[in-house]
PDB file of N, CA and C in Angstrom:
ATOM      1  N   MET A   1       0.850  -1.181   0.000  1.00  0.00           N
ATOM      2  CA  MET A   1       0.000   0.000   0.000  1.00  0.00           C
ATOM      3  C   MET A   1       0.890   1.237   0.000  1.00  0.00           C
ATOM      4  N   SER A   2       0.564   2.194  -0.837  1.00  0.00           N
ATOM      5  CA  SER A   2       1.392   3.390  -0.913  1.00  0.00           C
ATOM      6  C   SER A   2       1.144   4.302   0.283  1.00  0.00           C
ATOM      7  N   THR A   3       2.175   5.047   0.640  1.00  0.00           N
ATOM      8  CA  THR A   3       2.081   5.969   1.765  1.00  0.00           C
ATOM      9  C   THR A   3       1.307   7.205   1.337  1.00  0.00           C
ATOM     10  N   LYS A   4       0.388   7.614   2.187  1.00  0.00           N
ATOM     11  CA  LYS A   4      -0.422   8.801   1.895  1.00  0.00           C
ATOM     12  C   LYS A   4       0.222   9.997   2.578  1.00  0.00           C
ATOM     13  N   THR A   5       0.835  10.855   1.768  1.00  0.00           N
ATOM     14  CA  THR A   5       1.516  12.014   2.335  1.00  0.00           C
ATOM     15  C   THR A   5       0.963  13.338   1.845  1.00  0.00           C
ATOM     16  N   ASP A   6       0.289  13.343   0.708  1.00  0.00           N
ATOM     17  CA  ASP A   6      -0.222  14.592   0.146  1.00  0.00           C
ATOM     18  C   ASP A   6      -1.629  14.868   0.658  1.00  0.00           C
ATOM     19  N   ARG A   7      -1.964  16.153   0.710  1.00  0.00           N
ATOM     20  CA  ARG A   7      -3.284  16.576   1.173  1.00  0.00           C
ATOM     21  C   ARG A   7      -4.031  17.272   0.044  1.00  0.00           C
ATOM     22  N   LEU A   8      -5.336  17.171   0.111  1.00  0.00           N
ATOM     23  CA  LEU A   8      -6.210  17.869  -0.814  1.00  0.00           C
ATOM     24  C   LEU A   8      -7.294  18.532   0.022  1.00  0.00           C
ATOM     25  N   ASN A   9      -7.371  19.836  -0.036  1.00  0.00           N
ATOM     26  CA  ASN A   9      -8.391  20.583   0.696  1.00  0.00           C
ATOM     27  C   ASN A   9      -9.371  21.182  -0.291  1.00  0.00           C
ATOM     28  N   LEU A  10     -10.638  21.225   0.094  1.00  0.00           N
ATOM     29  CA  LEU A  10     -11.613  21.860  -0.768  1.00  0.00           C
ATOM     30  C   LEU A  10     -12.680  22.517   0.087  1.00  0.00           C
ATOM     31  N   ARG A  11     -13.335  23.481  -0.514  1.00  0.00           N
ATOM     32  CA  ARG A  11     -14.428  24.184   0.160  1.00  0.00           C
ATOM     33  C   ARG A  11     -15.729  23.830  -0.539  1.00  0.00           C
ATOM     34  N   CYS A  12     -16.787  23.707   0.248  1.00  0.00           N
ATOM     35  CA  CYS A  12     -18.103  23.438  -0.314  1.00  0.00           C
ATOM     36  C   CYS A  12     -19.161  23.995   0.626  1.00  0.00           C
ATOM     37  N   SER A  13     -20.381  24.022   0.149  1.00  0.00           N
ATOM     38  CA  SER A  13     -21.477  24.529   0.978  1.00  0.00           C
ATOM     39  C   SER A  13     -21.843  23.492   2.034  1.00  0.00           C
ATOM     40  N   SER A  14     -22.558  23.942   3.042  1.00  0.00           N
ATOM     41  CA  SER A  14     -23.023  23.033   4.099  1.00  0.00           C
ATOM     42  C   SER A  14     -23.931  21.957   3.527  1.00  0.00           C
ATOM     43  N   ALA A  15     -24.770  22.355   2.574  1.00  0.00           N
ATOM     44  CA  ALA A  15     -25.679  21.383   1.961  1.00  0.00           C
ATOM     45  C   ALA A  15     -24.910  20.310   1.194  1.00  0.00           C
ATOM     46  N   THR A  16     -23.869  20.733   0.475  1.00  0.00           N
ATOM     47  CA  THR A  16     -23.048  19.776  -0.267  1.00  0.00           C
ATOM     48  C   THR A  16     -22.360  18.817   0.685  1.00  0.00           C
ATOM     49  N   LEU A  17     -21.796  19.350   1.751  1.00  0.00           N
ATOM     50  CA  LEU A  17     -21.118  18.504   2.737  1.00  0.00           C
ATOM     51  C   LEU A  17     -22.094  17.513   3.356  1.00  0.00           C
ATOM     52  N   ALA A  18     -23.291  17.964   3.672  1.00  0.00           N
ATOM     53  CA  ALA A  18     -24.287  17.064   4.258  1.00  0.00           C
ATOM     54  C   ALA A  18     -24.652  15.945   3.288  1.00  0.00           C
ATOM     55  N   THR A  19     -24.799  16.286   2.026  1.00  0.00           N
ATOM     56  CA  THR A  19     -25.113  15.271   1.009  1.00  0.00           C
ATOM     57  C   THR A  19     -23.984  14.257   0.889  1.00  0.00           C
ATOM     58  N   LEU A  20     -22.756  14.742   0.844  1.00  0.00           N
ATOM     59  CA  LEU A  20     -21.603  13.844   0.738  1.00  0.00           C
ATOM     60  C   LEU A  20     -21.508  12.931   1.955  1.00  0.00           C
ATOM     61  N   ARG A  21     -21.706  13.487   3.140  1.00  0.00           N
ATOM     62  CA  ARG A  21     -21.649  12.671   4.363  1.00  0.00           C
ATOM     63  C   ARG A  21     -22.734  11.604   4.360  1.00  0.00           C
ATOM     64  N   GLU A  22     -23.933  11.989   3.959  1.00  0.00           N
ATOM     65  CA  GLU A  22     -25.039  11.037   3.922  1.00  0.00           C
ATOM     66  C   GLU A  22     -24.752   9.908   2.929  1.00  0.00           C
ATOM     67  N   ALA A  23     -24.249  10.267   1.753  1.00  0.00           N
ATOM     68  CA  ALA A  23     -23.929   9.250   0.749  1.00  0.00           C
ATOM     69  C   ALA A  23     -22.809   8.328   1.230  1.00  0.00           C
ATOM     70  N   ALA A  24     -21.802   8.903   1.863  1.00  0.00           N
ATOM     71  CA  ALA A  24     -20.703   8.084   2.394  1.00  0.00           C
ATOM     72  C   ALA A  24     -21.223   7.104   3.442  1.00  0.00           C
ATOM     73  N   GLU A  25     -22.133   7.580   4.265  1.00  0.00           N
ATOM     74  CA  GLU A  25     -22.705   6.723   5.309  1.00  0.00           C
ATOM     75  C   GLU A  25     -23.503   5.580   4.692  1.00  0.00           C
ATOM     76  N   VAL A  26     -24.275   5.884   3.651  1.00  0.00           N
ATOM     77  CA  VAL A  26     -25.052   4.849   2.968  1.00  0.00           C
ATOM     78  C   VAL A  26     -24.131   3.773   2.407  1.00  0.00           C
ATOM     79  N   GLN A  27     -22.963   4.193   1.934  1.00  0.00           N
ATOM     80  CA  GLN A  27     -21.985   3.255   1.370  1.00  0.00           C
ATOM     81  C   GLN A  27     -21.091   2.635   2.449  1.00  0.00           C
ATOM     82  N   ASP A  28     -21.337   2.980   3.697  1.00  0.00           N
ATOM     83  CA  ASP A  28     -20.542   2.491   4.827  1.00  0.00           C
ATOM     84  C   ASP A  28     -19.058   2.820   4.648  1.00  0.00           C
ATOM     85  N   GLN A  29     -18.799   4.082   4.249  1.00  0.00           N
ATOM     86  CA  GLN A  29     -17.438   4.564   4.049  1.00  0.00           C
ATOM     87  C   GLN A  29     -17.237   5.844   4.841  1.00  0.00           C
ATOM     88  N   ASP A  30     -15.983   6.126   5.176  1.00  0.00           N
ATOM     89  CA  ASP A  30     -15.702   7.444   5.749  1.00  0.00           C
ATOM     90  C   ASP A  30     -15.744   8.458   4.612  1.00  0.00           C
ATOM     91  N   LEU A  31     -15.876   9.728   4.968  1.00  0.00           N
ATOM     92  CA  LEU A  31     -16.047  10.783   3.984  1.00  0.00           C
ATOM     93  C   LEU A  31     -14.867  10.862   3.019  1.00  0.00           C
ATOM     94  N   THR A  32     -13.659  10.748   3.535  1.00  0.00           N
ATOM     95  CA  THR A  32     -12.468  10.826   2.688  1.00  0.00           C
ATOM     96  C   THR A  32     -12.458   9.711   1.649  1.00  0.00           C
ATOM     97  N   SER A  33     -12.719   8.487   2.089  1.00  0.00           N
ATOM     98  CA  SER A  33     -12.717   7.349   1.160  1.00  0.00           C
ATOM     99  C   SER A  33     -13.800   7.500   0.107  1.00  0.00           C
ATOM    100  N   PHE A  34     -14.974   7.974   0.525  1.00  0.00           N
ATOM    101  CA  PHE A  34     -16.071   8.151  -0.415  1.00  0.00           C
ATOM    102  C   PHE A  34     -15.725   9.177  -1.482  1.00  0.00           C
ATOM    103  N   ILE A  35     -15.248  10.334  -1.050  1.00  0.00           N
ATOM    104  CA  ILE A  35     -14.931  11.407  -2.003  1.00  0.00           C
ATOM    105  C   ILE A  35     -13.771  11.005  -2.902  1.00  0.00           C
ATOM    106  N   LEU A  36     -12.740  10.435  -2.323  1.00  0.00           N
ATOM    107  CA  LEU A  36     -11.585  10.033  -3.114  1.00  0.00           C
ATOM    108  C   LEU A  36     -11.957   8.952  -4.126  1.00  0.00           C
ATOM    109  N   GLY A  37     -12.757   7.983  -3.704  1.00  0.00           N
ATOM    110  CA  GLY A  37     -13.180   6.927  -4.621  1.00  0.00           C
ATOM    111  C   GLY A  37     -13.995   7.472  -5.780  1.00  0.00           C
ATOM    112  N   ALA A  38     -14.936   8.362  -5.474  1.00  0.00           N
ATOM    113  CA  ALA A  38     -15.766   8.946  -6.533  1.00  0.00           C
ATOM    114  C   ALA A  38     -14.918   9.791  -7.474  1.00  0.00           C
ATOM    115  N   ALA A  39     -14.011  10.570  -6.918  1.00  0.00           N
ATOM    116  CA  ALA A  39     -13.160  11.421  -7.752  1.00  0.00           C
ATOM    117  C   ALA A  39     -12.241  10.579  -8.636  1.00  0.00           C
ATOM    118  N   LEU A  40     -11.692   9.512  -8.092  1.00  0.00           N
ATOM    119  CA  LEU A  40     -10.821   8.640  -8.885  1.00  0.00           C
ATOM    120  C   LEU A  40     -11.590   7.943 -10.000  1.00  0.00           C
ATOM    121  N   ASP A  41     -12.799   7.475  -9.703  1.00  0.00           N
ATOM    122  CA  ASP A  41     -13.618   6.852 -10.746  1.00  0.00           C
ATOM    123  C   ASP A  41     -13.865   7.835 -11.883  1.00  0.00           C
ATOM    124  N   ARG A  42     -14.243   9.051 -11.540  1.00  0.00           N
ATOM    125  CA  ARG A  42     -14.510  10.070 -12.561  1.00  0.00           C
ATOM    126  C   ARG A  42     -13.242  10.416 -13.330  1.00  0.00           C
ATOM    127  N   ALA A  43     -12.119  10.560 -12.628  1.00  0.00           N
ATOM    128  CA  ALA A  43     -10.850  10.899 -13.275  1.00  0.00           C
ATOM    129  C   ALA A  43     -10.440   9.810 -14.263  1.00  0.00           C
ATOM    130  N   ARG A  44     -10.586   8.562 -13.866  1.00  0.00           N
ATOM    131  CA  ARG A  44     -10.227   7.459 -14.762  1.00  0.00           C
ATOM    132  C   ARG A  44     -11.117   7.437 -15.995  1.00  0.00           C
ATOM    133  N   THR A  45     -12.411   7.717 -15.822  1.00  0.00           N
ATOM    134  CA  THR A  45     -13.332   7.767 -16.958  1.00  0.00           C
ATOM    135  C   THR A  45     -12.947   8.881 -17.920  1.00  0.00           C
ATOM    136  N   VAL A  46     -12.680  10.062 -17.384  1.00  0.00           N
ATOM    137  CA  VAL A  46     -12.290  11.204 -18.218  1.00  0.00           C
ATOM    138  C   VAL A  46     -11.018  10.897 -18.989  1.00  0.00           C
ATOM    139  N   LEU A  47     -10.024  10.334 -18.322  1.00  0.00           N
ATOM    140  CA  LEU A  47      -8.757  10.037 -18.978  1.00  0.00           C
ATOM    141  C   LEU A  47      -8.915   8.961 -20.048  1.00  0.00           C
ATOM    142  N   ALA A  48      -9.727   7.941 -19.758  1.00  0.00           N
ATOM    143  CA  ALA A  48      -9.949   6.883 -20.748  1.00  0.00           C
ATOM    144  C   ALA A  48     -10.659   7.441 -21.979  1.00  0.00           C
ATOM    145  N   GLU A  49     -11.690   8.251 -21.760  1.00  0.00           N
ATOM    146  CA  GLU A  49     -12.401   8.848 -22.889  1.00  0.00           C
ATOM    147  C   GLU A  49     -11.480   9.764 -23.689  1.00  0.00           C
ATOM    148  N   ASP A  50     -10.641  10.505 -23.007  1.00  0.00           N
ATOM    149  CA  ASP A  50      -9.725  11.410 -23.697  1.00  0.00           C
ATOM    150  C   ASP A  50      -8.749  10.629 -24.561  1.00  0.00           C
ATOM    151  N   ARG A  51      -8.257   9.534 -24.053  1.00  0.00           N
ATOM    152  CA  ARG A  51      -7.286   8.739 -24.812  1.00  0.00           C
ATOM    153  C   ARG A  51      -7.936   8.075 -26.014  1.00  0.00           C
ATOM    154  N   VAL A  52      -9.177   7.632 -25.859  1.00  0.00           N
ATOM    155  CA  VAL A  52      -9.864   6.930 -26.934  1.00  0.00           C
ATOM    156  C   VAL A  52     -10.433   7.907 -27.953  1.00  0.00           C
ATOM    157  N   LEU A  53     -10.957   9.020 -27.489  1.00  0.00           N
ATOM    158  CA  LEU A  53     -11.693   9.917 -28.365  1.00  0.00           C
ATOM    159  C   LEU A  53     -10.896  11.105 -28.865  1.00  0.00           C
ATOM    160  N   ARG A  54      -9.620  11.133 -28.621  1.00  0.00           N
ATOM    161  CA  ARG A  54      -8.821  12.270 -29.060  1.00  0.00           C
ATOM    162  C   ARG A  54      -8.634  12.228 -30.576  1.00  0.00           C
ATOM    163  N   LEU A  55      -9.099  13.259 -31.249  1.00  0.00           N
ATOM    164  CA  LEU A  55      -8.981  13.358 -32.691  1.00  0.00           C
ATOM    165  C   LEU A  55      -8.242  14.636 -33.045  1.00  0.00           C
ATOM    166  N   ASP A  56      -7.405  14.543 -34.068  1.00  0.00           N
ATOM    167  CA  ASP A  56      -6.772  15.770 -34.540  1.00  0.00           C
ATOM    168  C   ASP A  56      -7.760  16.481 -35.477  1.00  0.00           C
ATOM    169  N   PRO A  57      -7.503  17.737 -35.832  1.00  0.00           N
ATOM    170  CA  PRO A  57      -8.460  18.487 -36.660  1.00  0.00           C
ATOM    171  C   PRO A  57      -8.824  17.794 -37.972  1.00  0.00           C
ATOM    172  N   HIS A  58      -7.855  17.158 -38.620  1.00  0.00           N
ATOM    173  CA  HIS A  58      -8.130  16.439 -39.870  1.00  0.00           C
ATOM    174  C   HIS A  58      -9.109  15.286 -39.616  1.00  0.00           C
ATOM    175  N   GLU A  59      -8.899  14.559 -38.528  1.00  0.00           N
ATOM    176  CA  GLU A  59      -9.788  13.442 -38.207  1.00  0.00           C
ATOM    177  C   GLU A  59     -11.192  13.926 -37.859  1.00  0.00           C
ATOM    178  N   VAL A  60     -11.287  15.082 -37.202  1.00  0.00           N
ATOM    179  CA  VAL A  60     -12.602  15.656 -36.892  1.00  0.00           C
ATOM    180  C   VAL A  60     -13.348  15.966 -38.186  1.00  0.00           C
ATOM    181  N   LEU A  61     -12.662  16.558 -39.141  1.00  0.00           N
ATOM    182  CA  LEU A  61     -13.289  16.851 -40.440  1.00  0.00           C
ATOM    183  C   LEU A  61     -13.736  15.576 -41.138  1.00  0.00           C
ATOM    184  N   GLN A  62     -12.897  14.554 -41.103  1.00  0.00           N
ATOM    185  CA  GLN A  62     -13.265  13.274 -41.724  1.00  0.00           C
ATOM    186  C   GLN A  62     -14.520  12.701 -41.068  1.00  0.00           C
ATOM    187  N   LEU A  63     -14.569  12.754 -39.750  1.00  0.00           N
ATOM    188  CA  LEU A  63     -15.723  12.232 -39.028  1.00  0.00           C
ATOM    189  C   LEU A  63     -16.977  13.038 -39.371  1.00  0.00           C
ATOM    190  N   GLU A  64     -16.869  14.364 -39.392  1.00  0.00           N
ATOM    191  CA  GLU A  64     -18.017  15.199 -39.723  1.00  0.00           C
ATOM    192  C   GLU A  64     -18.516  14.920 -41.140  1.00  0.00           C
ATOM    193  N   ARG A  65     -17.596  14.767 -42.083  1.00  0.00           N
ATOM    194  CA  ARG A  65     -17.995  14.455 -43.469  1.00  0.00           C
ATOM    195  C   ARG A  65     -18.702  13.098 -43.540  1.00  0.00           C
ATOM    196  N   ALA A  66     -18.167  12.129 -42.824  1.00  0.00           N
ATOM    197  CA  ALA A  66     -18.775  10.800 -42.837  1.00  0.00           C
ATOM    198  C   ALA A  66     -20.177  10.836 -42.226  1.00  0.00           C
ATOM    199  N   LEU A  67     -20.346  11.597 -41.160  1.00  0.00           N
ATOM    200  CA  LEU A  67     -21.661  11.688 -40.529  1.00  0.00           C
ATOM    201  C   LEU A  67     -22.655  12.459 -41.397  1.00  0.00           C
ATOM    202  N   ASP A  68     -22.168  13.429 -42.162  1.00  0.00           N
ATOM    203  CA  ASP A  68     -23.034  14.230 -43.019  1.00  0.00           C
ATOM    204  C   ASP A  68     -23.372  13.546 -44.344  1.00  0.00           C
ATOM    205  N   ALA A  69     -22.566  12.574 -44.742  1.00  0.00           N
ATOM    206  CA  ALA A  69     -22.748  11.924 -46.040  1.00  0.00           C
ATOM    207  C   ALA A  69     -24.000  11.056 -46.050  1.00  0.00           C
ATOM    208  N   GLU A  70     -24.557  10.905 -47.222  1.00  0.00           N
ATOM    209  CA  GLU A  70     -25.699  10.010 -47.406  1.00  0.00           C
ATOM    210  C   GLU A  70     -25.233   8.580 -47.141  1.00  0.00           C
ATOM    211  N   PRO A  71     -26.064   7.796 -46.502  1.00  0.00           N
ATOM    212  CA  PRO A  71     -25.665   6.411 -46.260  1.00  0.00           C
ATOM    213  C   PRO A  71     -25.520   5.650 -47.577  1.00  0.00           C
ATOM    214  N   ALA A  72     -24.543   4.802 -47.631  1.00  0.00           N
ATOM    215  CA  ALA A  72     -24.301   4.003 -48.833  1.00  0.00           C
ATOM    216  C   ALA A  72     -24.584   2.536 -48.525  1.00  0.00           C
ATOM    217  N   ALA A  73     -25.205   1.876 -49.454  1.00  0.00           N
ATOM    218  CA  ALA A  73     -25.464   0.446 -49.295  1.00  0.00           C
ATOM    219  C   ALA A  73     -24.162  -0.321 -49.466  1.00  0.00           C
ATOM    220  N   ILE A  74     -23.949  -1.281 -48.612  1.00  0.00           N
ATOM    221  CA  ILE A  74     -22.775  -2.148 -48.701  1.00  0.00           C
ATOM    222  C   ILE A  74     -23.294  -3.532 -49.087  1.00  0.00           C
ATOM    223  N   PRO A  75     -23.036  -3.962 -50.326  1.00  0.00           N
ATOM    224  CA  PRO A  75     -23.619  -5.211 -50.821  1.00  0.00           C
ATOM    225  C   PRO A  75     -23.335  -6.417 -49.922  1.00  0.00           C
ATOM    226  N   GLN A  76     -22.119  -6.517 -49.397  1.00  0.00           N
ATOM    227  CA  GLN A  76     -21.779  -7.658 -48.551  1.00  0.00           C
ATOM    228  C   GLN A  76     -22.603  -7.656 -47.253  1.00  0.00           C
ATOM    229  N   LEU A  77     -22.813  -6.472 -46.698  1.00  0.00           N
ATOM    230  CA  LEU A  77     -23.605  -6.372 -45.470  1.00  0.00           C
ATOM    231  C   LEU A  77     -25.067  -6.704 -45.753  1.00  0.00           C
ATOM    232  N   ALA A  78     -25.589  -6.209 -46.860  1.00  0.00           N
ATOM    233  CA  ALA A  78     -26.969  -6.517 -47.235  1.00  0.00           C
ATOM    234  C   ALA A  78     -27.151  -8.023 -47.418  1.00  0.00           C
ATOM    235  N   ALA A  79     -26.198  -8.676 -48.056  1.00  0.00           N
ATOM    236  CA  ALA A  79     -26.274 -10.124 -48.258  1.00  0.00           C
ATOM    237  C   ALA A  79     -26.228 -10.865 -46.929  1.00  0.00           C
ATOM    238  N   LEU A  80     -25.375 -10.416 -46.027  1.00  0.00           N
ATOM    239  CA  LEU A  80     -25.292 -11.040 -44.713  1.00  0.00           C
ATOM    240  C   LEU A  80     -26.615 -10.907 -43.971  1.00  0.00           C
ATOM    241  N   LEU A  81     -27.206  -9.734 -43.991  1.00  0.00           N
ATOM    242  CA  LEU A  81     -28.490  -9.534 -43.321  1.00  0.00           C
ATOM    243  C   LEU A  81     -29.585 -10.414 -43.919  1.00  0.00           C
ATOM    244  N   ARG A  82     -29.596 -10.534 -45.235  1.00  0.00           N
ATOM    245  CA  ARG A  82     -30.581 -11.412 -45.881  1.00  0.00           C
ATOM    246  C   ARG A  82     -30.394 -12.855 -45.426  1.00  0.00           C
ATOM    247  N   SER A  83     -29.155 -13.309 -45.339  1.00  0.00           N
ATOM    248  CA  SER A  83     -28.914 -14.702 -44.937  1.00  0.00           C
ATOM    249  C   SER A  83     -29.284 -14.931 -43.471  1.00  0.00           C
ATOM    250  N   VAL A  84     -29.043 -13.941 -42.631  1.00  0.00           N
ATOM    251  CA  VAL A  84     -29.408 -14.071 -41.215  1.00  0.00           C
ATOM    252  C   VAL A  84     -30.922 -14.118 -41.080  1.00  0.00           C
ATOM    253  N   ARG A  85     -31.606 -13.238 -41.807  1.00  0.00           N
ATOM    254  CA  ARG A  85     -33.086 -13.247 -41.760  1.00  0.00           C
ATOM    255  C   ARG A  85     -33.633 -14.570 -42.266  1.00  0.00           C
ATOM    256  N   ALA A  86     -33.053 -15.092 -43.353  1.00  0.00           N
ATOM    257  CA  ALA A  86     -33.529 -16.344 -43.925  1.00  0.00           C
ATOM    258  C   ALA A  86     -33.319 -17.498 -42.941  1.00  0.00           C
ATOM    259  N   SER A  87     -32.186 -17.546 -42.309  1.00  0.00           N
ATOM    260  CA  SER A  87     -31.928 -18.646 -41.366  1.00  0.00           C
ATOM    261  C   SER A  87     -32.800 -18.501 -40.118  1.00  0.00           C
ATOM    262  N   ALA A  88     -33.086 -17.272 -39.714  1.00  0.00           N
ATOM    263  CA  ALA A  88     -33.945 -17.052 -38.540  1.00  0.00           C
ATOM    264  C   ALA A  88     -35.380 -17.476 -38.846  1.00  0.00           C
ATOM    265  N   SER A  89     -35.878 -17.139 -40.031  1.00  0.00           N
ATOM    266  CA  SER A  89     -37.245 -17.515 -40.367  1.00  0.00           C
ATOM    267  C   SER A  89     -37.346 -19.019 -40.652  1.00  0.00           C
ATOM    268  N   ALA A  90     -36.258 -19.666 -41.051  1.00  0.00           N
ATOM    269  CA  ALA A  90     -36.275 -21.116 -41.284  1.00  0.00           C
ATOM    270  C   ALA A  90     -36.374 -21.862 -39.967  1.00  0.00           C
ATOM    271  N   ARG A  91     -35.847 -21.271 -38.874  1.00  0.00           N
ATOM    272  CA  ARG A  91     -35.895 -21.912 -37.561  1.00  0.00           C
ATOM    273  C   ARG A  91     -37.261 -21.780 -36.907  1.00  0.00           C
ATOM    274  N   VAL A  92     -38.050 -20.818 -37.362  1.00  0.00           N
ATOM    275  CA  VAL A  92     -39.346 -20.583 -36.729  1.00  0.00           C
ATOM    276  C   VAL A  92     -40.375 -21.537 -37.176  1.00  0.00           C
TER     277      VAL A  92
END
């Protein structure tokens, strides 16, 4: 287990503190563990989304063009869907 040496202080309203304390109690956690756990979960989500969804300007333009373009039929996909439908109706 790593040594905890750094501190994080924050200010909030009385209502916010009461809500956090109540939620921590419901989870059977102390306030520090509850807040730190929630903050870490959110931080990990933000970082994961940033790493996955980071696009450079050229890629953003490509994505926008693709989303704006008229849908195109893909013959192989259409054939696959027909075969899946046919096999599903044959089983019924």
